[in-house]
Amino acid sequence: MEEICKHLEDIQEIKVASELVCEECKKVDGWWVHLRTCQTCGATLCCDSSPAKHMTKHFHHTGHPVASSAEPGEKWLWCYEDEAFVEYE
């Protein structure tokens, strides 16, 4: 079986956003479209459809490779480093 993302095995427990806000947009009265949660540190930030694209900036700044959707009902992960999309249950 081909491995699509080598970083998924490092995730012990999927982190879920405790508050549905972009932590960085909230600081500057910005706005967001959708939210993502970093699976390394738990930061909840806005997606690339949002003006500030905070989760992608977070990846480039920290190197934390995997984010999950923080949107209710969505269960998927995105690995920035491997550019891999993975759904989970």
C-alpha atoms as a PDB file:
ATOM      1  CA  MET A   1       0.000   0.000   0.000  1.00  0.00           C
ATOM      2  CA  GLU A   2       1.368   3.390  -0.998  1.00  0.00           C
ATOM      3  CA  GLU A   3       1.878   5.845   1.830  1.00  0.00           C
ATOM      4  CA  ILE A   4       0.238   9.188   1.045  1.00  0.00           C
ATOM      5  CA  CYS A   5       1.505  11.129   4.056  1.00  0.00           C
ATOM      6  CA  LYS A   6       4.319  10.177   6.377  1.00  0.00           C
ATOM      7  CA  HIS A   7       3.125  12.712   8.992  1.00  0.00           C
ATOM      8  CA  LEU A   8      -0.223  11.111   9.782  1.00  0.00           C
ATOM      9  CA  GLU A   9       1.364   8.391  11.882  1.00  0.00           C
ATOM     10  CA  ASP A  10       2.672  11.091  14.248  1.00  0.00           C
ATOM     11  CA  ILE A  11      -0.879  12.169  15.170  1.00  0.00           C
ATOM     12  CA  GLN A  12      -1.913  10.382  18.353  1.00  0.00           C
ATOM     13  CA  GLU A  13      -5.322  12.008  18.787  1.00  0.00           C
ATOM     14  CA  ILE A  14      -7.166  14.328  16.421  1.00  0.00           C
ATOM     15  CA  LYS A  15      -7.417  17.750  18.044  1.00  0.00           C
ATOM     16  CA  VAL A  16     -10.757  19.524  17.820  1.00  0.00           C
ATOM     17  CA  ALA A  17     -11.109  23.285  17.967  1.00  0.00           C
ATOM     18  CA  SER A  18     -12.430  24.391  21.349  1.00  0.00           C
ATOM     19  CA  GLU A  19     -13.699  27.710  19.977  1.00  0.00           C
ATOM     20  CA  LEU A  20     -14.775  28.234  16.377  1.00  0.00           C
ATOM     21  CA  VAL A  21     -12.792  31.405  15.686  1.00  0.00           C
ATOM     22  CA  CYS A  22      -9.539  32.177  13.921  1.00  0.00           C
ATOM     23  CA  GLU A  23      -7.175  33.055  16.761  1.00  0.00           C
ATOM     24  CA  GLU A  24      -5.220  35.521  14.603  1.00  0.00           C
ATOM     25  CA  CYS A  25      -8.166  37.159  12.791  1.00  0.00           C
ATOM     26  CA  LYS A  26      -9.842  37.731  16.162  1.00  0.00           C
ATOM     27  CA  LYS A  27      -6.822  39.781  17.324  1.00  0.00           C
ATOM     28  CA  VAL A  28      -7.145  42.236  14.405  1.00  0.00           C
ATOM     29  CA  ASP A  29     -10.925  42.192  13.829  1.00  0.00           C
ATOM     30  CA  GLY A  30     -10.406  40.186  10.637  1.00  0.00           C
ATOM     31  CA  TRP A  31     -12.802  37.673   9.128  1.00  0.00           C
ATOM     32  CA  TRP A  32     -12.573  34.124   7.858  1.00  0.00           C
ATOM     33  CA  VAL A  33     -14.403  31.681   5.595  1.00  0.00           C
ATOM     34  CA  HIS A  34     -13.507  28.297   7.141  1.00  0.00           C
ATOM     35  CA  LEU A  35     -11.345  27.154  10.037  1.00  0.00           C
ATOM     36  CA  ARG A  36      -8.553  24.591  10.371  1.00  0.00           C
ATOM     37  CA  THR A  37      -6.926  23.120  13.499  1.00  0.00           C
ATOM     38  CA  CYS A  38      -3.206  22.359  13.617  1.00  0.00           C
ATOM     39  CA  GLN A  39      -2.676  18.737  14.639  1.00  0.00           C
ATOM     40  CA  THR A  40       0.671  19.516  16.254  1.00  0.00           C
ATOM     41  CA  CYS A  41      -0.170  22.408  18.576  1.00  0.00           C
ATOM     42  CA  GLY A  42      -3.976  22.776  18.377  1.00  0.00           C
ATOM     43  CA  ALA A  43      -4.019  26.329  16.961  1.00  0.00           C
ATOM     44  CA  THR A  44      -7.278  27.132  15.163  1.00  0.00           C
ATOM     45  CA  LEU A  45      -6.773  29.427  12.190  1.00  0.00           C
ATOM     46  CA  CYS A  46      -8.412  30.440   8.919  1.00  0.00           C
ATOM     47  CA  CYS A  47      -8.149  28.588   5.608  1.00  0.00           C
ATOM     48  CA  ASP A  48      -6.781  29.675   2.235  1.00  0.00           C
ATOM     49  CA  SER A  49     -10.222  30.885   1.112  1.00  0.00           C
ATOM     50  CA  SER A  50      -9.969  33.500   3.872  1.00  0.00           C
ATOM     51  CA  PRO A  51      -8.154  36.799   3.228  1.00  0.00           C
ATOM     52  CA  ALA A  52      -5.323  36.241   5.723  1.00  0.00           C
ATOM     53  CA  LYS A  53      -4.694  32.494   5.118  1.00  0.00           C
ATOM     54  CA  HIS A  54      -3.429  32.110   8.683  1.00  0.00           C
ATOM     55  CA  MET A  55      -3.170  28.279   8.724  1.00  0.00           C
ATOM     56  CA  THR A  56      -0.861  28.227   5.701  1.00  0.00           C
ATOM     57  CA  LYS A  57       1.232  30.993   7.294  1.00  0.00           C
ATOM     58  CA  HIS A  58       1.313  28.909  10.492  1.00  0.00           C
ATOM     59  CA  PHE A  59       2.671  25.919   8.545  1.00  0.00           C
ATOM     60  CA  HIS A  60       5.399  28.031   6.903  1.00  0.00           C
ATOM     61  CA  HIS A  61       6.342  29.636  10.233  1.00  0.00           C
ATOM     62  CA  THR A  62       6.286  26.521  12.451  1.00  0.00           C
ATOM     63  CA  GLY A  63       6.696  23.567  10.090  1.00  0.00           C
ATOM     64  CA  HIS A  64       3.646  21.873  11.646  1.00  0.00           C
ATOM     65  CA  PRO A  65       2.543  19.783   8.656  1.00  0.00           C
ATOM     66  CA  VAL A  66      -1.013  18.548   9.321  1.00  0.00           C
ATOM     67  CA  ALA A  67      -4.241  20.480   9.823  1.00  0.00           C
ATOM     68  CA  SER A  68      -7.801  19.242  10.156  1.00  0.00           C
ATOM     69  CA  SER A  69     -11.034  20.949   9.255  1.00  0.00           C
ATOM     70  CA  ALA A  70     -12.552  22.648  12.288  1.00  0.00           C
ATOM     71  CA  GLU A  71     -15.905  22.901  10.539  1.00  0.00           C
ATOM     72  CA  PRO A  72     -18.766  20.943  12.154  1.00  0.00           C
ATOM     73  CA  GLY A  73     -19.411  17.648  10.363  1.00  0.00           C
ATOM     74  CA  GLU A  74     -16.186  17.706   8.334  1.00  0.00           C
ATOM     75  CA  LYS A  75     -13.659  14.978   9.130  1.00  0.00           C
ATOM     76  CA  TRP A  76     -10.548  15.356   7.036  1.00  0.00           C
ATOM     77  CA  LEU A  77      -6.876  16.188   7.338  1.00  0.00           C
ATOM     78  CA  TRP A  78      -4.566  18.110   5.031  1.00  0.00           C
ATOM     79  CA  CYS A  79      -0.793  17.647   5.054  1.00  0.00           C
ATOM     80  CA  TYR A  80       0.886  20.804   3.785  1.00  0.00           C
ATOM     81  CA  GLU A  81       4.267  19.163   3.380  1.00  0.00           C
ATOM     82  CA  ASP A  82       3.054  16.170   1.346  1.00  0.00           C
ATOM     83  CA  GLU A  83       0.065  17.990  -0.203  1.00  0.00           C
ATOM     84  CA  ALA A  84      -2.150  15.090   0.843  1.00  0.00           C
ATOM     85  CA  PHE A  85      -5.867  15.081   1.677  1.00  0.00           C
ATOM     86  CA  VAL A  86      -7.158  12.322   3.979  1.00  0.00           C
ATOM     87  CA  GLU A  87     -10.695  11.710   5.222  1.00  0.00           C
ATOM     88  CA  TYR A  88     -11.228   9.942   8.566  1.00  0.00           C
ATOM     89  CA  GLU A  89     -14.156   8.718  10.644  1.00  0.00           C
END
